N, C-alpha and C. Protein backbone atom coordinates (compact mmCIF):
# COMPACT_ATOMS: atom_id res chain seq x y z
N MET A 1 -28.98 -9.29 -25.51
CA MET A 1 -28.88 -7.92 -25.00
C MET A 1 -27.97 -7.09 -25.90
N LYS A 2 -28.42 -5.92 -26.29
CA LYS A 2 -27.62 -5.04 -27.12
C LYS A 2 -26.76 -4.13 -26.26
N LYS A 3 -25.51 -3.93 -26.68
CA LYS A 3 -24.64 -2.99 -25.97
C LYS A 3 -23.73 -2.31 -26.97
N ASN A 4 -23.24 -1.14 -26.58
CA ASN A 4 -22.37 -0.34 -27.42
C ASN A 4 -20.97 -0.30 -26.81
N ILE A 5 -19.99 -0.62 -27.65
CA ILE A 5 -18.59 -0.61 -27.22
C ILE A 5 -17.88 0.51 -27.97
N TYR A 6 -17.38 1.49 -27.23
CA TYR A 6 -16.65 2.62 -27.80
C TYR A 6 -15.15 2.33 -27.63
N ILE A 7 -14.44 2.20 -28.74
CA ILE A 7 -13.03 1.84 -28.71
C ILE A 7 -12.21 2.96 -29.31
N ILE A 8 -11.25 3.48 -28.54
CA ILE A 8 -10.41 4.56 -29.06
C ILE A 8 -8.93 4.23 -28.88
N ARG A 9 -8.14 4.83 -29.75
CA ARG A 9 -6.71 4.84 -29.54
C ARG A 9 -6.37 5.99 -28.60
N HIS A 10 -5.30 5.87 -27.86
CA HIS A 10 -4.87 6.93 -26.95
C HIS A 10 -4.55 8.22 -27.70
N GLY A 11 -4.46 9.31 -26.95
CA GLY A 11 -4.07 10.59 -27.53
C GLY A 11 -2.58 10.64 -27.87
N GLU A 12 -2.20 11.73 -28.50
CA GLU A 12 -0.82 11.87 -28.98
C GLU A 12 0.19 11.98 -27.85
N THR A 13 1.34 11.32 -28.04
CA THR A 13 2.50 11.49 -27.17
C THR A 13 3.59 12.18 -27.98
N GLU A 14 4.66 12.57 -27.29
CA GLU A 14 5.76 13.22 -28.02
C GLU A 14 6.42 12.25 -29.00
N TYR A 15 6.47 10.95 -28.66
CA TYR A 15 7.02 9.97 -29.59
C TYR A 15 6.13 9.84 -30.83
N ASN A 16 4.81 9.93 -30.66
CA ASN A 16 3.94 9.95 -31.83
C ASN A 16 4.29 11.12 -32.73
N ARG A 17 4.44 12.29 -32.12
CA ARG A 17 4.72 13.50 -32.90
C ARG A 17 6.05 13.37 -33.64
N LEU A 18 7.03 12.77 -33.00
CA LEU A 18 8.37 12.65 -33.58
C LEU A 18 8.52 11.40 -34.45
N GLN A 19 7.46 10.61 -34.55
CA GLN A 19 7.47 9.37 -35.33
C GLN A 19 8.56 8.41 -34.85
N ILE A 20 8.49 8.14 -33.55
CA ILE A 20 9.36 7.16 -32.90
C ILE A 20 8.48 6.02 -32.40
N MET A 21 8.89 4.79 -32.66
CA MET A 21 8.10 3.63 -32.24
C MET A 21 8.04 3.56 -30.72
N GLN A 22 6.84 3.36 -30.18
CA GLN A 22 6.70 3.26 -28.73
C GLN A 22 6.64 1.80 -28.29
N GLY A 23 5.48 1.17 -28.47
CA GLY A 23 5.36 -0.22 -28.04
C GLY A 23 5.09 -0.34 -26.55
N ARG A 24 5.13 -1.57 -26.10
CA ARG A 24 4.69 -1.89 -24.75
C ARG A 24 5.63 -1.39 -23.65
N SER A 25 6.92 -1.34 -23.94
CA SER A 25 7.89 -1.04 -22.88
C SER A 25 8.12 0.44 -22.66
N ILE A 26 7.56 1.28 -23.54
CA ILE A 26 7.77 2.72 -23.43
C ILE A 26 6.49 3.36 -22.89
N ASP A 27 6.58 3.91 -21.69
CA ASP A 27 5.39 4.39 -20.97
C ASP A 27 5.37 5.91 -20.91
N MET A 28 5.03 6.52 -22.04
CA MET A 28 5.03 7.98 -22.12
C MET A 28 3.66 8.57 -21.79
N SER A 29 3.67 9.76 -21.22
CA SER A 29 2.44 10.51 -21.01
C SER A 29 2.02 11.20 -22.30
N LEU A 30 0.80 11.68 -22.33
CA LEU A 30 0.33 12.49 -23.46
C LEU A 30 1.10 13.80 -23.51
N ASN A 31 1.30 14.32 -24.71
CA ASN A 31 1.84 15.68 -24.82
C ASN A 31 0.67 16.67 -24.81
N GLU A 32 0.95 17.93 -25.05
CA GLU A 32 -0.10 18.95 -24.99
C GLU A 32 -1.21 18.67 -26.00
N THR A 33 -0.82 18.27 -27.20
CA THR A 33 -1.83 17.95 -28.22
C THR A 33 -2.68 16.76 -27.78
N GLY A 34 -2.04 15.75 -27.23
CA GLY A 34 -2.77 14.58 -26.76
C GLY A 34 -3.76 14.90 -25.66
N THR A 35 -3.38 15.77 -24.76
CA THR A 35 -4.29 16.19 -23.70
C THR A 35 -5.49 16.94 -24.28
N THR A 36 -5.22 17.80 -25.27
CA THR A 36 -6.31 18.52 -25.94
C THR A 36 -7.24 17.54 -26.64
N GLN A 37 -6.70 16.53 -27.29
CA GLN A 37 -7.51 15.51 -27.95
C GLN A 37 -8.38 14.76 -26.93
N ALA A 38 -7.78 14.38 -25.81
CA ALA A 38 -8.52 13.66 -24.78
C ALA A 38 -9.67 14.51 -24.23
N ASN A 39 -9.40 15.78 -24.00
CA ASN A 39 -10.44 16.67 -23.48
C ASN A 39 -11.57 16.86 -24.50
N ALA A 40 -11.21 16.94 -25.78
CA ALA A 40 -12.21 17.10 -26.84
C ALA A 40 -13.09 15.85 -26.94
N PHE A 41 -12.47 14.68 -26.81
CA PHE A 41 -13.25 13.44 -26.84
C PHE A 41 -14.22 13.40 -25.66
N HIS A 42 -13.74 13.79 -24.49
CA HIS A 42 -14.61 13.80 -23.31
C HIS A 42 -15.77 14.76 -23.49
N GLU A 43 -15.48 15.93 -24.02
CA GLU A 43 -16.53 16.93 -24.20
C GLU A 43 -17.64 16.41 -25.11
N GLN A 44 -17.28 15.69 -26.16
CA GLN A 44 -18.29 15.22 -27.11
C GLN A 44 -19.06 14.01 -26.59
N TYR A 45 -18.41 13.18 -25.76
CA TYR A 45 -19.04 11.92 -25.37
C TYR A 45 -19.37 11.82 -23.87
N LYS A 46 -19.27 12.94 -23.16
CA LYS A 46 -19.51 12.90 -21.72
C LYS A 46 -20.96 12.59 -21.36
N SER A 47 -21.87 12.74 -22.31
CA SER A 47 -23.28 12.43 -22.03
C SER A 47 -23.59 10.94 -22.16
N ILE A 48 -22.66 10.17 -22.71
CA ILE A 48 -22.87 8.72 -22.82
C ILE A 48 -22.76 8.11 -21.42
N PRO A 49 -23.74 7.33 -21.00
CA PRO A 49 -23.71 6.78 -19.65
C PRO A 49 -22.79 5.55 -19.52
N PHE A 50 -21.49 5.78 -19.68
CA PHE A 50 -20.54 4.67 -19.59
C PHE A 50 -20.61 4.03 -18.20
N GLU A 51 -20.71 2.73 -18.20
CA GLU A 51 -20.74 1.98 -16.94
C GLU A 51 -19.41 1.31 -16.64
N LEU A 52 -18.54 1.26 -17.63
CA LEU A 52 -17.27 0.55 -17.49
C LEU A 52 -16.26 1.15 -18.45
N VAL A 53 -15.04 1.39 -17.96
CA VAL A 53 -13.95 1.89 -18.80
C VAL A 53 -12.77 0.93 -18.68
N TYR A 54 -12.32 0.43 -19.82
CA TYR A 54 -11.12 -0.40 -19.88
C TYR A 54 -9.96 0.44 -20.39
N THR A 55 -8.80 0.32 -19.75
CA THR A 55 -7.56 0.87 -20.28
C THR A 55 -6.47 -0.17 -20.15
N SER A 56 -5.35 0.08 -20.83
CA SER A 56 -4.16 -0.72 -20.56
C SER A 56 -3.51 -0.14 -19.31
N GLU A 57 -2.38 -0.70 -18.94
CA GLU A 57 -1.65 -0.21 -17.77
C GLU A 57 -0.81 1.02 -18.09
N LEU A 58 -0.66 1.36 -19.36
CA LEU A 58 0.23 2.44 -19.77
C LEU A 58 -0.40 3.81 -19.58
N LYS A 59 0.44 4.79 -19.25
CA LYS A 59 -0.06 6.13 -18.92
C LYS A 59 -0.83 6.77 -20.06
N ARG A 60 -0.37 6.58 -21.29
CA ARG A 60 -1.04 7.25 -22.40
C ARG A 60 -2.46 6.74 -22.61
N SER A 61 -2.72 5.51 -22.23
CA SER A 61 -4.08 4.96 -22.29
C SER A 61 -4.93 5.53 -21.16
N ARG A 62 -4.42 5.47 -19.94
CA ARG A 62 -5.19 5.93 -18.78
C ARG A 62 -5.45 7.44 -18.84
N GLU A 63 -4.46 8.21 -19.26
CA GLU A 63 -4.61 9.66 -19.31
C GLU A 63 -5.63 10.09 -20.37
N SER A 64 -5.78 9.32 -21.42
CA SER A 64 -6.69 9.69 -22.52
C SER A 64 -8.15 9.64 -22.10
N VAL A 65 -8.48 8.86 -21.09
CA VAL A 65 -9.88 8.75 -20.65
C VAL A 65 -10.03 9.05 -19.16
N LYS A 66 -9.10 9.80 -18.60
CA LYS A 66 -9.11 10.03 -17.16
C LYS A 66 -10.38 10.75 -16.70
N ASN A 67 -10.96 11.59 -17.57
CA ASN A 67 -12.18 12.30 -17.18
C ASN A 67 -13.37 11.36 -17.06
N PHE A 68 -13.34 10.24 -17.76
CA PHE A 68 -14.39 9.23 -17.64
C PHE A 68 -14.13 8.31 -16.44
N ILE A 69 -12.87 8.04 -16.18
CA ILE A 69 -12.50 7.11 -15.12
C ILE A 69 -13.00 7.57 -13.76
N THR A 70 -13.00 8.87 -13.55
CA THR A 70 -13.40 9.40 -12.24
C THR A 70 -14.88 9.18 -11.94
N ALA A 71 -15.67 8.88 -12.98
CA ALA A 71 -17.12 8.80 -12.79
C ALA A 71 -17.69 7.39 -12.95
N THR A 72 -16.83 6.41 -13.22
CA THR A 72 -17.37 5.08 -13.48
C THR A 72 -16.35 4.01 -13.11
N THR A 73 -16.70 2.76 -13.27
CA THR A 73 -15.81 1.64 -12.96
C THR A 73 -14.66 1.59 -13.96
N HIS A 74 -13.45 1.49 -13.45
CA HIS A 74 -12.25 1.47 -14.29
C HIS A 74 -11.52 0.15 -14.10
N VAL A 75 -11.26 -0.54 -15.22
CA VAL A 75 -10.52 -1.80 -15.19
C VAL A 75 -9.25 -1.65 -16.02
N ILE A 76 -8.10 -1.87 -15.40
CA ILE A 76 -6.83 -1.90 -16.12
C ILE A 76 -6.61 -3.33 -16.59
N ASP A 77 -6.48 -3.51 -17.90
CA ASP A 77 -6.40 -4.85 -18.48
C ASP A 77 -5.23 -4.89 -19.46
N ASP A 78 -4.18 -5.62 -19.09
CA ASP A 78 -3.00 -5.63 -19.96
C ASP A 78 -3.18 -6.44 -21.23
N ARG A 79 -4.33 -7.09 -21.39
CA ARG A 79 -4.60 -7.78 -22.65
C ARG A 79 -4.80 -6.80 -23.80
N ILE A 80 -5.14 -5.55 -23.49
CA ILE A 80 -5.34 -4.55 -24.55
C ILE A 80 -4.18 -3.56 -24.64
N THR A 81 -3.06 -3.90 -24.02
CA THR A 81 -1.90 -3.04 -24.12
C THR A 81 -1.27 -3.17 -25.51
N GLU A 82 -0.31 -2.30 -25.79
CA GLU A 82 0.30 -2.31 -27.12
C GLU A 82 1.20 -3.54 -27.30
N ILE A 83 1.42 -3.91 -28.55
CA ILE A 83 2.35 -4.97 -28.88
C ILE A 83 3.76 -4.54 -28.47
N SER A 84 4.60 -5.51 -28.15
CA SER A 84 6.02 -5.22 -27.97
C SER A 84 6.68 -5.23 -29.34
N TRP A 85 7.29 -4.10 -29.69
CA TRP A 85 7.94 -3.97 -30.99
C TRP A 85 9.39 -4.43 -30.99
N GLY A 86 9.88 -4.95 -29.87
CA GLY A 86 11.22 -5.51 -29.82
C GLY A 86 12.28 -4.53 -30.25
N ALA A 87 13.08 -4.91 -31.26
CA ALA A 87 14.20 -4.09 -31.72
C ALA A 87 13.77 -2.75 -32.28
N ASN A 88 12.49 -2.59 -32.59
CA ASN A 88 12.00 -1.32 -33.14
C ASN A 88 11.62 -0.31 -32.06
N GLU A 89 11.45 -0.75 -30.83
CA GLU A 89 10.96 0.16 -29.79
C GLU A 89 11.98 1.26 -29.48
N GLY A 90 11.46 2.48 -29.39
CA GLY A 90 12.30 3.63 -29.10
C GLY A 90 13.13 4.11 -30.27
N LYS A 91 12.87 3.57 -31.46
CA LYS A 91 13.66 3.92 -32.64
C LYS A 91 12.83 4.81 -33.59
N PRO A 92 13.49 5.79 -34.21
CA PRO A 92 12.80 6.58 -35.24
C PRO A 92 12.38 5.66 -36.39
N ILE A 93 11.29 6.04 -37.05
CA ILE A 93 10.78 5.20 -38.14
C ILE A 93 11.61 5.46 -39.39
N ASP A 94 12.77 4.81 -39.44
CA ASP A 94 13.65 4.93 -40.59
C ASP A 94 13.50 3.69 -41.47
N ASN A 95 14.37 3.54 -42.46
CA ASN A 95 14.25 2.44 -43.40
C ASN A 95 14.39 1.08 -42.72
N LYS A 96 15.33 0.96 -41.79
CA LYS A 96 15.55 -0.33 -41.11
C LYS A 96 14.33 -0.73 -40.30
N VAL A 97 13.79 0.21 -39.53
CA VAL A 97 12.59 -0.05 -38.73
C VAL A 97 11.42 -0.41 -39.64
N THR A 98 11.27 0.34 -40.72
CA THR A 98 10.15 0.10 -41.65
C THR A 98 10.25 -1.27 -42.30
N GLN A 99 11.46 -1.68 -42.68
CA GLN A 99 11.63 -2.98 -43.32
C GLN A 99 11.31 -4.12 -42.36
N ARG A 100 11.68 -4.00 -41.09
CA ARG A 100 11.32 -5.02 -40.10
C ARG A 100 9.80 -5.11 -39.97
N PHE A 101 9.16 -3.95 -39.92
CA PHE A 101 7.70 -3.91 -39.79
C PHE A 101 7.04 -4.54 -41.00
N LYS A 102 7.47 -4.17 -42.19
CA LYS A 102 6.86 -4.69 -43.41
C LYS A 102 7.01 -6.20 -43.51
N ARG A 103 8.18 -6.72 -43.09
CA ARG A 103 8.37 -8.16 -43.14
C ARG A 103 7.42 -8.85 -42.17
N MET A 104 7.26 -8.28 -40.97
CA MET A 104 6.34 -8.85 -40.00
C MET A 104 4.92 -8.91 -40.55
N MET A 105 4.46 -7.80 -41.14
CA MET A 105 3.11 -7.75 -41.66
C MET A 105 2.92 -8.73 -42.83
N GLN A 106 3.96 -8.90 -43.64
CA GLN A 106 3.87 -9.86 -44.74
C GLN A 106 3.77 -11.28 -44.21
N GLU A 107 4.56 -11.59 -43.19
CA GLU A 107 4.51 -12.92 -42.58
C GLU A 107 3.13 -13.18 -41.97
N TRP A 108 2.59 -12.19 -41.28
CA TRP A 108 1.25 -12.37 -40.69
C TRP A 108 0.21 -12.57 -41.78
N SER A 109 0.29 -11.80 -42.84
CA SER A 109 -0.67 -11.93 -43.93
C SER A 109 -0.58 -13.30 -44.60
N ASN A 110 0.61 -13.89 -44.57
CA ASN A 110 0.80 -15.22 -45.13
C ASN A 110 0.40 -16.33 -44.16
N GLY A 111 -0.06 -15.94 -42.98
CA GLY A 111 -0.52 -16.93 -42.01
C GLY A 111 0.50 -17.31 -40.96
N ASN A 112 1.69 -16.73 -41.02
CA ASN A 112 2.73 -17.04 -40.04
C ASN A 112 2.66 -16.08 -38.86
N LEU A 113 1.73 -16.34 -37.95
CA LEU A 113 1.55 -15.45 -36.79
C LEU A 113 2.60 -15.69 -35.71
N GLU A 114 3.45 -16.67 -35.90
CA GLU A 114 4.54 -16.90 -34.95
C GLU A 114 5.67 -15.88 -35.15
N HIS A 115 5.65 -15.21 -36.29
CA HIS A 115 6.72 -14.26 -36.60
C HIS A 115 6.62 -13.02 -35.72
N SER A 116 7.78 -12.48 -35.36
CA SER A 116 7.83 -11.22 -34.62
C SER A 116 9.06 -10.45 -35.05
N ILE A 117 9.05 -9.16 -34.80
CA ILE A 117 10.27 -8.37 -34.92
C ILE A 117 11.23 -8.89 -33.86
N PRO A 118 12.53 -9.00 -34.13
CA PRO A 118 13.46 -9.55 -33.15
C PRO A 118 13.27 -8.96 -31.75
N GLY A 119 13.06 -9.84 -30.79
CA GLY A 119 12.87 -9.42 -29.41
C GLY A 119 11.46 -8.97 -29.08
N GLY A 120 10.56 -9.00 -30.08
CA GLY A 120 9.21 -8.49 -29.88
C GLY A 120 8.17 -9.58 -29.71
N GLU A 121 6.91 -9.16 -29.71
CA GLU A 121 5.79 -10.06 -29.51
C GLU A 121 5.29 -10.60 -30.85
N SER A 122 4.89 -11.85 -30.86
CA SER A 122 4.39 -12.46 -32.09
C SER A 122 2.93 -12.07 -32.34
N GLY A 123 2.51 -12.24 -33.58
CA GLY A 123 1.11 -12.02 -33.91
C GLY A 123 0.20 -12.97 -33.17
N LYS A 124 0.65 -14.20 -32.97
CA LYS A 124 -0.16 -15.18 -32.24
C LYS A 124 -0.40 -14.74 -30.80
N SER A 125 0.65 -14.22 -30.16
CA SER A 125 0.51 -13.75 -28.78
C SER A 125 -0.48 -12.60 -28.69
N LEU A 126 -0.35 -11.64 -29.63
CA LEU A 126 -1.27 -10.50 -29.65
C LEU A 126 -2.70 -10.97 -29.90
N ARG A 127 -2.86 -11.84 -30.89
CA ARG A 127 -4.20 -12.36 -31.21
C ARG A 127 -4.81 -13.09 -30.02
N ASP A 128 -4.03 -13.94 -29.38
CA ASP A 128 -4.57 -14.76 -28.30
C ASP A 128 -5.04 -13.92 -27.12
N ARG A 129 -4.27 -12.90 -26.76
CA ARG A 129 -4.69 -12.09 -25.61
C ARG A 129 -5.91 -11.23 -25.95
N LEU A 130 -5.98 -10.77 -27.20
CA LEU A 130 -7.14 -9.98 -27.59
C LEU A 130 -8.39 -10.85 -27.74
N GLN A 131 -8.23 -12.07 -28.20
CA GLN A 131 -9.37 -12.99 -28.26
C GLN A 131 -9.90 -13.29 -26.86
N SER A 132 -9.00 -13.42 -25.91
CA SER A 132 -9.41 -13.62 -24.51
C SER A 132 -10.19 -12.42 -24.00
N PHE A 133 -9.72 -11.22 -24.34
CA PHE A 133 -10.41 -10.00 -23.94
C PHE A 133 -11.80 -9.94 -24.57
N ILE A 134 -11.91 -10.26 -25.86
CA ILE A 134 -13.19 -10.23 -26.56
C ILE A 134 -14.17 -11.21 -25.92
N LYS A 135 -13.70 -12.36 -25.55
CA LYS A 135 -14.58 -13.35 -24.92
C LYS A 135 -15.19 -12.79 -23.64
N ASP A 136 -14.37 -12.13 -22.84
CA ASP A 136 -14.88 -11.51 -21.61
C ASP A 136 -15.78 -10.33 -21.92
N LEU A 137 -15.39 -9.52 -22.90
CA LEU A 137 -16.17 -8.35 -23.28
C LEU A 137 -17.59 -8.73 -23.69
N SER A 138 -17.72 -9.82 -24.42
CA SER A 138 -19.03 -10.24 -24.92
C SER A 138 -19.96 -10.71 -23.81
N THR A 139 -19.40 -11.03 -22.64
CA THR A 139 -20.24 -11.50 -21.53
C THR A 139 -20.59 -10.39 -20.54
N ARG A 140 -20.02 -9.21 -20.72
CA ARG A 140 -20.29 -8.12 -19.78
C ARG A 140 -21.75 -7.69 -19.87
N LYS A 141 -22.30 -7.31 -18.75
CA LYS A 141 -23.71 -6.90 -18.70
C LYS A 141 -23.92 -5.42 -18.96
N GLU A 142 -22.84 -4.64 -18.86
CA GLU A 142 -22.96 -3.19 -19.08
C GLU A 142 -23.36 -2.90 -20.52
N LYS A 143 -24.16 -1.87 -20.71
CA LYS A 143 -24.66 -1.53 -22.04
C LYS A 143 -23.81 -0.48 -22.76
N HIS A 144 -23.00 0.25 -22.01
CA HIS A 144 -22.13 1.28 -22.61
C HIS A 144 -20.73 1.12 -22.02
N ILE A 145 -19.79 0.70 -22.87
CA ILE A 145 -18.44 0.38 -22.42
C ILE A 145 -17.44 1.18 -23.25
N LEU A 146 -16.45 1.76 -22.58
CA LEU A 146 -15.39 2.52 -23.24
C LEU A 146 -14.08 1.76 -23.10
N VAL A 147 -13.37 1.60 -24.22
CA VAL A 147 -12.08 0.90 -24.25
C VAL A 147 -11.04 1.83 -24.85
N CYS A 148 -9.96 2.07 -24.12
CA CYS A 148 -8.86 2.89 -24.66
C CYS A 148 -7.62 2.02 -24.81
N THR A 149 -7.23 1.80 -26.04
CA THR A 149 -6.12 0.90 -26.33
C THR A 149 -5.06 1.61 -27.16
N HIS A 150 -4.31 0.85 -27.96
CA HIS A 150 -3.15 1.35 -28.68
C HIS A 150 -3.24 0.98 -30.16
N GLY A 151 -2.39 1.59 -30.98
CA GLY A 151 -2.51 1.49 -32.42
C GLY A 151 -2.58 0.08 -32.99
N ARG A 152 -1.53 -0.72 -32.80
CA ARG A 152 -1.52 -2.06 -33.38
C ARG A 152 -2.54 -2.96 -32.70
N ALA A 153 -2.68 -2.83 -31.39
CA ALA A 153 -3.68 -3.61 -30.67
C ALA A 153 -5.08 -3.28 -31.17
N LEU A 154 -5.34 -2.00 -31.45
CA LEU A 154 -6.65 -1.60 -31.96
C LEU A 154 -6.93 -2.23 -33.32
N LYS A 155 -5.96 -2.18 -34.21
CA LYS A 155 -6.15 -2.75 -35.55
C LYS A 155 -6.48 -4.25 -35.46
N MET A 156 -5.73 -4.96 -34.65
CA MET A 156 -5.98 -6.39 -34.49
C MET A 156 -7.33 -6.62 -33.82
N LEU A 157 -7.66 -5.82 -32.81
CA LEU A 157 -8.91 -5.97 -32.08
C LEU A 157 -10.12 -5.80 -33.00
N ILE A 158 -10.13 -4.75 -33.81
CA ILE A 158 -11.26 -4.52 -34.71
C ILE A 158 -11.38 -5.67 -35.72
N THR A 159 -10.26 -6.12 -36.24
CA THR A 159 -10.26 -7.23 -37.19
C THR A 159 -10.88 -8.48 -36.56
N LEU A 160 -10.50 -8.78 -35.33
CA LEU A 160 -11.02 -9.96 -34.64
C LEU A 160 -12.50 -9.80 -34.30
N LEU A 161 -12.91 -8.61 -33.87
CA LEU A 161 -14.31 -8.38 -33.53
C LEU A 161 -15.22 -8.62 -34.74
N LEU A 162 -14.71 -8.30 -35.92
CA LEU A 162 -15.50 -8.44 -37.15
C LEU A 162 -15.27 -9.78 -37.84
N ASN A 163 -14.51 -10.67 -37.18
CA ASN A 163 -14.24 -12.01 -37.72
C ASN A 163 -13.60 -11.96 -39.11
N GLU A 164 -12.71 -11.02 -39.29
CA GLU A 164 -12.02 -10.89 -40.56
C GLU A 164 -10.62 -11.52 -40.47
N ASP A 165 -10.04 -11.77 -41.63
CA ASP A 165 -8.70 -12.33 -41.68
C ASP A 165 -7.68 -11.29 -41.21
N ILE A 166 -6.63 -11.75 -40.58
CA ILE A 166 -5.59 -10.86 -40.08
C ILE A 166 -5.02 -9.97 -41.19
N SER A 167 -4.99 -10.47 -42.41
CA SER A 167 -4.45 -9.70 -43.53
C SER A 167 -5.25 -8.44 -43.82
N GLU A 168 -6.46 -8.32 -43.24
CA GLU A 168 -7.33 -7.17 -43.49
C GLU A 168 -7.05 -5.99 -42.55
N MET A 169 -6.23 -6.19 -41.54
CA MET A 169 -6.14 -5.19 -40.47
C MET A 169 -5.62 -3.83 -40.91
N GLU A 170 -4.81 -3.79 -41.95
CA GLU A 170 -4.23 -2.50 -42.33
C GLU A 170 -5.25 -1.53 -42.91
N LYS A 171 -6.42 -2.00 -43.26
CA LYS A 171 -7.44 -1.08 -43.78
C LYS A 171 -8.06 -0.24 -42.67
N TYR A 172 -7.84 -0.63 -41.41
CA TYR A 172 -8.41 0.12 -40.30
C TYR A 172 -7.42 1.17 -39.82
N LYS A 173 -7.76 2.43 -40.04
CA LYS A 173 -6.91 3.55 -39.65
C LYS A 173 -7.05 3.80 -38.15
N HIS A 174 -6.08 4.52 -37.60
CA HIS A 174 -6.09 4.70 -36.14
C HIS A 174 -5.49 6.04 -35.73
N ALA A 175 -6.24 7.09 -35.94
CA ALA A 175 -5.82 8.42 -35.48
C ALA A 175 -5.81 8.45 -33.96
N ASN A 176 -5.02 9.36 -33.41
CA ASN A 176 -5.04 9.51 -31.95
C ASN A 176 -6.42 9.97 -31.51
N THR A 177 -7.02 9.24 -30.61
CA THR A 177 -8.40 9.35 -30.08
C THR A 177 -9.45 9.06 -31.14
N GLY A 178 -9.06 8.49 -32.29
CA GLY A 178 -10.05 8.06 -33.27
C GLY A 178 -10.96 6.99 -32.68
N LEU A 179 -12.26 7.11 -32.93
CA LEU A 179 -13.27 6.24 -32.31
C LEU A 179 -13.78 5.17 -33.26
N TYR A 180 -13.80 3.94 -32.77
CA TYR A 180 -14.52 2.83 -33.40
C TYR A 180 -15.69 2.47 -32.50
N LEU A 181 -16.89 2.62 -33.03
CA LEU A 181 -18.09 2.27 -32.28
C LEU A 181 -18.60 0.93 -32.77
N MET A 182 -18.69 -0.02 -31.85
CA MET A 182 -19.17 -1.36 -32.16
C MET A 182 -20.48 -1.62 -31.42
N GLU A 183 -21.43 -2.19 -32.11
CA GLU A 183 -22.68 -2.62 -31.48
C GLU A 183 -22.65 -4.14 -31.33
N TYR A 184 -22.98 -4.60 -30.15
CA TYR A 184 -23.00 -6.05 -29.90
C TYR A 184 -24.43 -6.49 -29.63
N SER A 185 -24.92 -7.40 -30.46
CA SER A 185 -26.24 -7.98 -30.25
C SER A 185 -26.30 -9.31 -30.99
N ASP A 186 -27.11 -10.21 -30.50
CA ASP A 186 -27.26 -11.53 -31.12
C ASP A 186 -25.91 -12.21 -31.33
N ASN A 187 -25.03 -12.06 -30.32
CA ASN A 187 -23.70 -12.70 -30.36
C ASN A 187 -22.83 -12.26 -31.53
N GLN A 188 -23.03 -11.01 -31.96
CA GLN A 188 -22.27 -10.50 -33.10
C GLN A 188 -21.91 -9.03 -32.90
N PHE A 189 -20.71 -8.67 -33.29
CA PHE A 189 -20.26 -7.28 -33.25
C PHE A 189 -20.46 -6.65 -34.63
N LYS A 190 -21.04 -5.45 -34.65
CA LYS A 190 -21.25 -4.73 -35.90
C LYS A 190 -20.58 -3.36 -35.80
N LEU A 191 -19.91 -2.97 -36.88
CA LEU A 191 -19.20 -1.70 -36.90
C LEU A 191 -20.15 -0.55 -37.24
N LYS A 192 -20.24 0.44 -36.35
CA LYS A 192 -21.12 1.60 -36.55
C LYS A 192 -20.34 2.87 -36.90
N LYS A 193 -19.15 3.01 -36.38
CA LYS A 193 -18.28 4.15 -36.71
C LYS A 193 -16.86 3.64 -36.81
N ALA A 194 -16.09 4.20 -37.75
CA ALA A 194 -14.71 3.77 -37.94
C ALA A 194 -13.76 4.97 -37.91
N ASN A 195 -12.87 4.97 -36.94
CA ASN A 195 -11.85 6.03 -36.81
C ASN A 195 -12.48 7.42 -36.87
N ASP A 196 -13.59 7.60 -36.17
CA ASP A 196 -14.30 8.88 -36.18
C ASP A 196 -13.53 9.90 -35.36
N THR A 197 -13.18 11.02 -35.98
CA THR A 197 -12.45 12.10 -35.28
C THR A 197 -13.22 13.40 -35.30
N SER A 198 -14.54 13.31 -35.42
CA SER A 198 -15.35 14.54 -35.49
C SER A 198 -15.19 15.39 -34.23
N HIS A 199 -14.88 14.77 -33.11
CA HIS A 199 -14.69 15.53 -31.86
C HIS A 199 -13.48 16.45 -31.92
N LEU A 200 -12.57 16.19 -32.85
CA LEU A 200 -11.34 16.99 -32.93
C LEU A 200 -11.52 18.26 -33.74
N LYS A 201 -12.68 18.45 -34.35
CA LYS A 201 -12.90 19.67 -35.14
C LYS A 201 -12.79 20.91 -34.28
N SER A 202 -13.16 20.79 -33.02
CA SER A 202 -13.11 21.95 -32.12
C SER A 202 -11.67 22.31 -31.76
N THR A 203 -10.70 21.42 -32.05
CA THR A 203 -9.30 21.70 -31.70
C THR A 203 -8.52 22.30 -32.85
N LEU A 204 -9.13 22.38 -34.03
CA LEU A 204 -8.41 22.86 -35.21
C LEU A 204 -8.37 24.39 -35.28
């Protein structure tokens, strides 16, 4: 059975605008720009007959697709929530924060998924919960599914869906409300759109 999975990152929050790390423990609402982005995404894709909407438990995820949630089945699934950034959470993206992040990504690329930013979640933990989500996603009977997740979780999710090495994840960009469209058929996910933001042209 063929089905289409629409995967987006949440809309902008004030921490996004200020370039402050959010992560799993920071539960911010969308700012004005984020709300505009969410409304623009809804306007462009409201004709898609979504039968199921997945969000994380965080407000920025739920608020980004709230116009779809009112019309279809909504599942809150913490397996698609953002990674815990540990010591980086709530901190401006300065040199210290950046160096911790770069070291983590280097360790993951070298195959050490046990590594994490101090106090944060490991790559293995993120991978394992997303693999569990993918397993369930592949068995769903709905033909049109919307998933609203978070930046790092999205990058890892797309990499896993395409059976690529973790070291490849940085090539996948993740604009606020950027869309990844995946087609699932014959037990395989295929990428149809990557970080599509055409819906945002009306907001410029």
